[in-house]
Protein backbone atom coordinates (compact mmCIF):
# COMPACT_ATOMS: atom_id res chain seq x y z
CA MET A 1 76.28 89.65 -117.76
CA ILE A 2 72.53 89.70 -117.21
CA ILE A 3 71.60 86.18 -116.12
CA GLU A 4 69.00 84.46 -118.25
CA ASN A 5 69.36 80.84 -117.07
CA PRO A 6 71.51 78.52 -114.90
CA ASP A 7 74.13 78.04 -117.63
CA ASP A 8 74.54 81.82 -117.93
CA LEU A 9 75.18 81.97 -114.21
CA THR A 10 78.03 79.44 -114.30
CA ARG A 11 79.57 81.14 -117.34
CA ALA A 12 79.41 84.51 -115.58
CA VAL A 13 81.16 83.20 -112.46
CA LEU A 14 83.85 81.48 -114.51
CA ALA A 15 84.43 84.68 -116.50
CA GLU A 16 85.15 86.53 -113.26
CA VAL A 17 87.45 83.72 -112.11
CA GLU A 18 89.53 84.27 -115.26
CA ARG A 19 90.40 87.74 -113.96
CA THR A 20 92.45 86.18 -111.11
CA PRO A 21 96.12 87.16 -111.65
CA ASP A 22 97.63 84.21 -109.76
CA ALA A 23 97.65 81.23 -112.15
CA ARG A 24 97.47 78.54 -109.47
CA LEU A 25 94.63 80.23 -107.59
CA ARG A 26 92.83 80.77 -110.92
CA ARG A 27 93.03 77.04 -111.69
CA ILE A 28 91.78 76.06 -108.22
CA LEU A 29 88.85 78.51 -108.36
CA HIS A 30 87.92 77.45 -111.90
CA SER A 31 87.79 73.78 -110.87
CA ALA A 32 85.95 74.59 -107.63
CA VAL A 33 83.24 76.57 -109.40
CA GLN A 34 82.75 73.91 -112.06
CA HIS A 35 82.46 71.13 -109.49
CA LEU A 36 80.30 73.10 -107.04
CA HIS A 37 77.88 74.17 -109.73
CA GLY A 38 77.95 70.62 -111.13
CA PHE A 39 77.16 69.25 -107.67
CA VAL A 40 74.15 71.55 -107.34
CA ARG A 41 72.87 70.49 -110.75
CA ASP A 42 73.58 66.78 -110.34
CA SER A 43 71.99 66.54 -106.89
CA GLU A 44 69.13 68.90 -107.79
CA LEU A 45 69.81 70.69 -104.51
CA THR A 46 66.74 72.29 -102.98
CA GLU A 47 66.75 75.66 -101.25
CA ALA A 48 66.07 74.02 -97.89
CA GLU A 49 68.96 71.59 -98.41
CA PHE A 50 71.24 74.46 -99.38
CA ARG A 51 70.41 76.30 -96.16
CA GLN A 52 71.01 73.12 -94.17
CA LEU A 53 74.40 72.62 -95.85
CA CYS A 54 75.47 76.21 -95.17
CA GLY A 55 74.39 75.79 -91.55
CA ALA A 56 76.51 72.67 -91.16
CA ILE A 57 79.58 74.40 -92.60
CA ALA A 58 79.07 77.41 -90.33
CA LYS A 59 78.61 75.17 -87.29
CA ALA A 60 81.84 73.31 -88.08
CA GLY A 61 83.63 76.65 -87.96
CA HIS A 62 81.95 77.68 -84.71
CA LEU A 63 82.88 74.35 -83.05
CA THR A 64 86.56 74.66 -84.01
CA THR A 65 88.46 75.77 -80.91
CA PRO A 66 92.09 75.74 -79.73
CA SER A 67 91.56 72.15 -78.48
CA HIS A 68 89.20 70.75 -81.17
CA ASN A 69 89.08 71.07 -84.96
CA GLU A 70 85.70 70.09 -86.43
CA VAL A 71 86.73 71.19 -89.95
CA VAL A 72 89.70 68.80 -90.11
CA LEU A 73 87.50 66.08 -88.60
CA ALA A 74 84.95 66.59 -91.38
CA ALA A 75 87.60 66.49 -94.11
CA GLY A 76 88.86 63.19 -92.76
CA SER A 77 85.40 61.66 -92.45
CA LEU A 78 84.74 62.38 -96.13
CA GLY A 79 88.09 60.92 -97.21
CA VAL A 80 89.37 64.29 -98.42
CA SER A 81 92.38 64.37 -96.08
CA ALA A 82 93.46 60.86 -97.11
CA LEU A 83 93.01 61.65 -100.82
CA VAL A 84 95.10 64.82 -100.61
CA CYS A 85 97.81 62.84 -98.81
CA LEU A 86 97.90 59.98 -101.32
CA MET A 87 97.90 62.34 -104.31
CA ASN A 88 100.81 64.36 -102.92
CA ASN A 89 103.03 61.46 -101.83
CA GLY A 90 104.30 58.24 -103.34
CA GLU A 91 104.50 59.81 -106.81
CA GLY A 92 100.80 60.55 -106.82
CA GLY A 93 99.84 57.11 -105.53
CA ARG A 94 102.01 55.17 -107.99
CA ARG A 95 104.17 53.72 -105.23
CA GLU A 96 103.73 52.82 -101.58
CA THR A 97 104.21 55.62 -99.08
CA THR A 98 104.49 55.89 -95.31
CA ALA A 99 102.97 59.38 -95.43
CA ASN A 100 99.55 59.61 -93.79
CA LEU A 101 97.03 61.99 -92.26
CA MET A 102 98.18 64.77 -89.97
CA GLY A 103 94.97 64.41 -87.98
CA PRO A 104 93.30 67.00 -85.76
CA PHE A 105 95.40 66.46 -82.60
CA TRP A 106 98.96 67.56 -83.43
CA ARG A 107 100.33 70.23 -81.08
CA MET A 108 103.61 72.08 -81.46
CA GLY A 109 106.10 72.16 -78.61
CA SER A 110 106.29 68.51 -77.60
CA PRO A 111 108.97 67.95 -74.94
CA VAL A 112 112.39 67.00 -76.29
CA THR A 113 113.02 63.47 -75.00
CA PRO A 114 116.27 61.47 -74.93
CA ASP A 115 116.58 58.35 -77.04
CA GLY A 116 114.96 55.45 -75.21
CA GLY A 117 112.98 57.79 -72.96
CA SER A 118 109.32 57.56 -72.06
CA ILE A 119 106.51 59.78 -73.34
CA VAL A 120 104.26 58.71 -70.46
CA ARG A 121 104.27 61.92 -68.41
CA SER A 122 101.42 61.26 -65.99
CA ARG A 123 99.67 58.19 -64.57
CA THR A 124 98.32 56.40 -67.66
CA PRO A 125 96.93 52.84 -67.60
CA GLY A 126 98.03 50.49 -70.37
CA ASP A 127 100.50 47.80 -71.36
CA PRO A 128 104.03 49.13 -71.93
CA VAL A 129 105.25 49.35 -75.53
CA PHE A 130 108.89 49.74 -76.54
CA VAL A 131 109.14 51.31 -80.00
CA ASP A 132 112.12 51.15 -82.36
CA ALA A 133 111.46 53.22 -85.48
CA ARG A 134 113.88 53.75 -88.37
CA VAL A 135 113.87 56.55 -90.94
CA ARG A 136 115.51 56.15 -94.34
CA ASP A 137 115.53 57.99 -97.65
CA GLN A 138 114.24 56.64 -100.94
CA ALA A 139 117.65 55.18 -101.77
CA GLY A 140 117.54 53.14 -98.57
CA HIS A 141 120.09 55.19 -96.66
CA PRO A 142 119.46 55.96 -92.97
CA VAL A 143 118.48 59.55 -92.23
CA ALA A 144 120.39 60.81 -89.20
CA GLY A 145 119.47 63.96 -87.31
CA ALA A 146 115.79 63.97 -88.25
CA GLU A 147 113.37 65.42 -85.72
CA VAL A 148 110.51 63.03 -84.95
CA ASP A 149 107.43 64.28 -83.13
CA ILE A 150 105.32 61.56 -81.45
CA TRP A 151 101.76 61.75 -80.11
CA GLN A 152 98.97 59.30 -79.37
CA ALA A 153 95.76 58.68 -77.46
CA SER A 154 95.71 56.95 -74.11
CA GLY A 155 94.50 53.40 -73.50
CA GLU A 156 91.15 54.99 -72.64
CA GLY A 157 90.96 56.70 -76.03
CA TYR A 158 91.74 60.32 -75.10
CA TYR A 159 94.46 62.65 -76.33
CA GLU A 160 95.86 64.76 -73.51
CA ASN A 161 94.46 67.99 -74.99
CA GLN A 162 90.94 66.53 -74.55
CA ASP A 163 91.55 65.19 -71.06
CA PRO A 164 92.22 67.31 -67.95
CA GLN A 165 93.01 64.08 -66.06
CA GLN A 166 96.22 63.70 -68.10
CA GLY A 167 99.27 65.86 -67.55
CA ASP A 168 100.09 68.50 -70.13
CA MET A 169 101.87 66.94 -73.12
CA ASN A 170 101.29 63.41 -71.84
CA LEU A 171 101.95 60.80 -74.55
CA ARG A 172 103.78 63.40 -76.64
CA GLY A 173 107.51 63.68 -77.22
CA LYS A 174 110.16 64.81 -79.67
CA PHE A 175 113.18 62.69 -80.63
CA VAL A 176 116.17 62.93 -82.98
CA THR A 177 117.27 60.00 -85.13
CA ASP A 178 120.73 58.58 -84.46
CA GLY A 179 123.42 57.80 -87.01
CA GLU A 180 121.50 54.74 -88.19
CA GLY A 181 118.23 56.64 -88.51
CA HIS A 182 116.67 55.11 -85.37
CA ILE A 183 114.62 56.51 -82.53
CA ARG A 184 113.57 54.45 -79.54
CA PHE A 185 111.00 55.28 -76.91
CA ARG A 186 108.64 53.82 -74.35
CA THR A 187 104.90 54.40 -74.32
CA ILE A 188 101.70 52.50 -73.57
CA LYS A 189 99.63 50.53 -76.06
CA PRO A 190 97.06 52.91 -77.54
CA SER A 191 93.43 51.98 -78.03
CA GLY A 192 91.07 52.67 -80.85
CA TYR A 193 88.72 55.53 -80.07
CA PRO A 194 85.55 57.19 -81.33
CA ILE A 195 85.90 60.58 -82.96
CA PRO A 196 83.65 63.32 -81.49
CA VAL A 197 80.09 63.23 -82.83
CA SER A 198 78.48 66.21 -81.10
CA GLY A 199 78.65 68.41 -84.20
CA PRO A 200 78.07 68.24 -87.99
CA VAL A 201 80.46 65.30 -88.38
CA GLY A 202 78.35 63.23 -86.01
CA ALA A 203 75.18 64.14 -87.88
CA LEU A 204 76.81 63.09 -91.15
CA LEU A 205 77.91 59.72 -89.78
CA ARG A 206 74.50 58.99 -88.25
CA ALA A 207 72.80 59.82 -91.55
CA GLN A 208 75.02 57.27 -93.32
CA GLY A 209 74.73 54.55 -90.67
CA ARG A 210 78.49 54.64 -90.06
CA HIS A 211 80.46 53.99 -86.90
CA ASN A 212 82.85 56.65 -85.63
CA MET A 213 85.83 54.52 -84.63
CA ARG A 214 89.48 55.04 -85.44
CA PRO A 215 91.81 52.04 -85.12
CA ALA A 216 94.56 52.34 -82.50
CA HIS A 217 97.62 54.22 -83.76
CA ILE A 218 100.68 56.26 -82.87
CA HIS A 219 101.44 59.47 -84.78
CA PHE A 220 104.90 60.26 -86.17
CA MET A 221 105.92 63.58 -87.71
CA ILE A 222 109.37 63.40 -89.32
CA ARG A 223 111.25 66.56 -90.25
CA LYS A 224 114.73 67.37 -91.54
CA PRO A 225 115.99 70.14 -93.86
CA GLY A 226 116.18 68.88 -97.43
CA PHE A 227 113.32 66.42 -96.92
CA LYS A 228 109.58 66.84 -97.14
CA THR A 229 108.01 66.88 -93.68
CA GLN A 230 106.11 63.61 -93.32
CA PHE A 231 103.12 62.95 -91.10
CA SER A 232 102.45 59.26 -90.45
CA GLN A 233 100.18 57.09 -88.33
CA LEU A 234 101.29 53.61 -87.35
CA TYR A 235 98.22 51.43 -86.87
CA SER A 236 97.88 48.44 -84.57
CA ASN A 237 97.68 45.14 -86.46
CA ASP A 238 95.25 43.66 -83.90
CA ASP A 239 92.63 46.42 -84.08
CA PRO A 240 89.13 45.37 -85.27
CA PHE A 241 88.54 48.67 -87.13
CA LEU A 242 91.45 48.53 -89.59
CA GLU A 243 89.10 47.82 -92.51
CA THR A 244 86.50 50.47 -91.62
CA ASP A 245 88.49 53.41 -90.21
CA VAL A 246 86.11 56.38 -90.01
CA GLN A 247 88.88 58.63 -91.38
CA PHE A 248 89.92 56.26 -94.23
CA GLY A 249 93.56 56.48 -93.14
CA VAL A 250 94.80 52.88 -92.96
CA THR A 251 97.29 51.81 -95.65
CA ARG A 252 99.22 48.54 -95.76
CA ALA A 253 102.52 50.38 -95.38
CA LEU A 254 101.42 51.67 -91.98
CA VAL A 255 100.03 48.59 -90.25
CA GLY A 256 102.47 48.04 -87.40
CA ARG A 257 103.12 44.66 -85.80
CA TYR A 258 102.86 44.75 -82.02
CA VAL A 259 104.74 41.73 -80.67
CA PRO A 260 103.54 40.60 -77.21
CA HIS A 261 106.03 39.52 -74.55
CA ASP A 262 105.70 38.15 -71.05
CA GLY A 263 109.01 38.26 -69.24
CA ALA A 264 112.10 40.42 -68.97
CA ALA A 265 111.51 43.84 -70.52
CA PRO A 266 113.99 46.55 -71.57
CA ASP A 267 113.08 48.48 -68.39
CA ALA A 268 113.39 46.66 -65.08
CA ASP A 269 110.20 48.18 -63.62
CA VAL A 270 108.02 46.41 -66.20
CA GLN A 271 106.41 43.17 -65.07
CA GLY A 272 103.88 41.07 -66.93
CA ARG A 273 102.80 41.70 -70.50
CA TRP A 274 104.57 44.24 -72.68
CA TYR A 275 104.96 44.83 -76.42
CA SER A 276 107.72 45.62 -78.85
CA LEU A 277 107.01 47.57 -82.06
CA GLU A 278 109.46 48.07 -84.92
CA HIS A 279 108.75 49.97 -88.13
CA GLU A 280 110.51 51.78 -90.95
CA PHE A 281 109.50 55.10 -92.50
CA VAL A 282 110.67 56.37 -95.89
CA ILE A 283 110.91 60.12 -96.49
CA SER A 284 111.54 61.95 -99.74
CA ALA A 285 113.33 65.12 -100.77
CA GLY A 286 111.26 68.26 -100.49
CA ASP A 287 110.08 71.14 -98.35
CA ASP A 288 110.57 70.75 -94.60
CA SER A 289 108.12 73.49 -93.60
CA LEU A 290 105.36 72.79 -91.09
CA PRO A 291 101.63 73.46 -91.50
CA PRO A 292 99.76 75.42 -88.83
CA PRO A 293 98.86 73.07 -85.96
CA PRO A 294 95.15 72.19 -85.93
CA ILE A 295 95.06 72.67 -82.14
CA THR A 296 97.08 74.98 -79.94
CA ALA A 297 96.03 74.32 -76.34
CA LYS A 298 94.75 71.85 -73.80
CA THR A 299 91.06 71.97 -72.93
CA GLY A 300 89.91 73.49 -69.67
CA ASP A 301 86.62 71.62 -69.84
CA PRO A 302 85.82 68.16 -68.43
CA ARG A 303 86.83 65.39 -70.77
CA PRO A 304 84.05 64.64 -73.24
CA PRO A 305 82.06 61.40 -73.12
CA LEU A 306 83.18 58.80 -75.64
CA VAL A 307 80.05 58.23 -77.70
CA VAL A 308 80.27 55.16 -79.96
CA LEU A 309 78.05 54.89 -83.03
CA GLN A 310 77.21 51.45 -84.35
CA ARG A 311 77.71 50.64 -88.01
CA SER A 312 74.49 49.59 -89.68
CA LYS A 313 74.22 46.51 -91.87
CA GLU A 314 75.39 46.84 -95.44
CA ALA A 315 72.92 48.61 -97.72
CA SER A 316 70.99 46.24 -99.97
């Protein structure tokens, strides 16, 4: 087609999309073209803005390394990751779900850890936490023999892959649910942390006057044949950023209650304050395959500074 005007252009692209043999890919491309062209029209995108947008996308790719994923970070900061999760779990958002964001910090190969064991693998400051998590199916039955991958940030706000001061695979572990669907482990109380803002994601947040904080959480990845692999994040009920999570991940089903104690703890070496944390996760039938991990290695660089952006006052 010889292009006479903007509408001709969109029609020409959509006509080529219709040649796609794969029906699912054809539907995705058709919707993408319609929405992308509609975005350009609706925003009256200038040529300079288009170049700036392409530059940001390219930079996100360049900044994605084995120990950092800027693309996943951007998807989360725009709410895309959370939307995909909610639309694909809990019957499309019609019921509560304990599924949540995978996040940009999952690594494969976490050390297999015995029930009740600790995932603190190097010197890590923080109050001890004793976790008792239960996995059940939608009928309420316990799910035995499920593999549960755990990972979290330190009390200083760093995942071990970001931090050469932590041992490899610190605050990561893999457990198997018992006959009642339980896993138990010891860790330290995580802190909220700022997501990295040295790239396009940081520029986007600054432009909007947003902060870059994630509320404290522990990641769970639950997997068993016959069930859909579930990624979850269990958020701390006492965190000040629950309502304004930069990644839009907090749901009511995943606010965990940390109970403080001061006295005898499950492990005799613990003195002073410690916490207990109990929670239940519900998994559904489905595909147990795993996605590619967003990171594959620990950084060899010094740990990055934790830059905190302040949230501006509400727009008038």
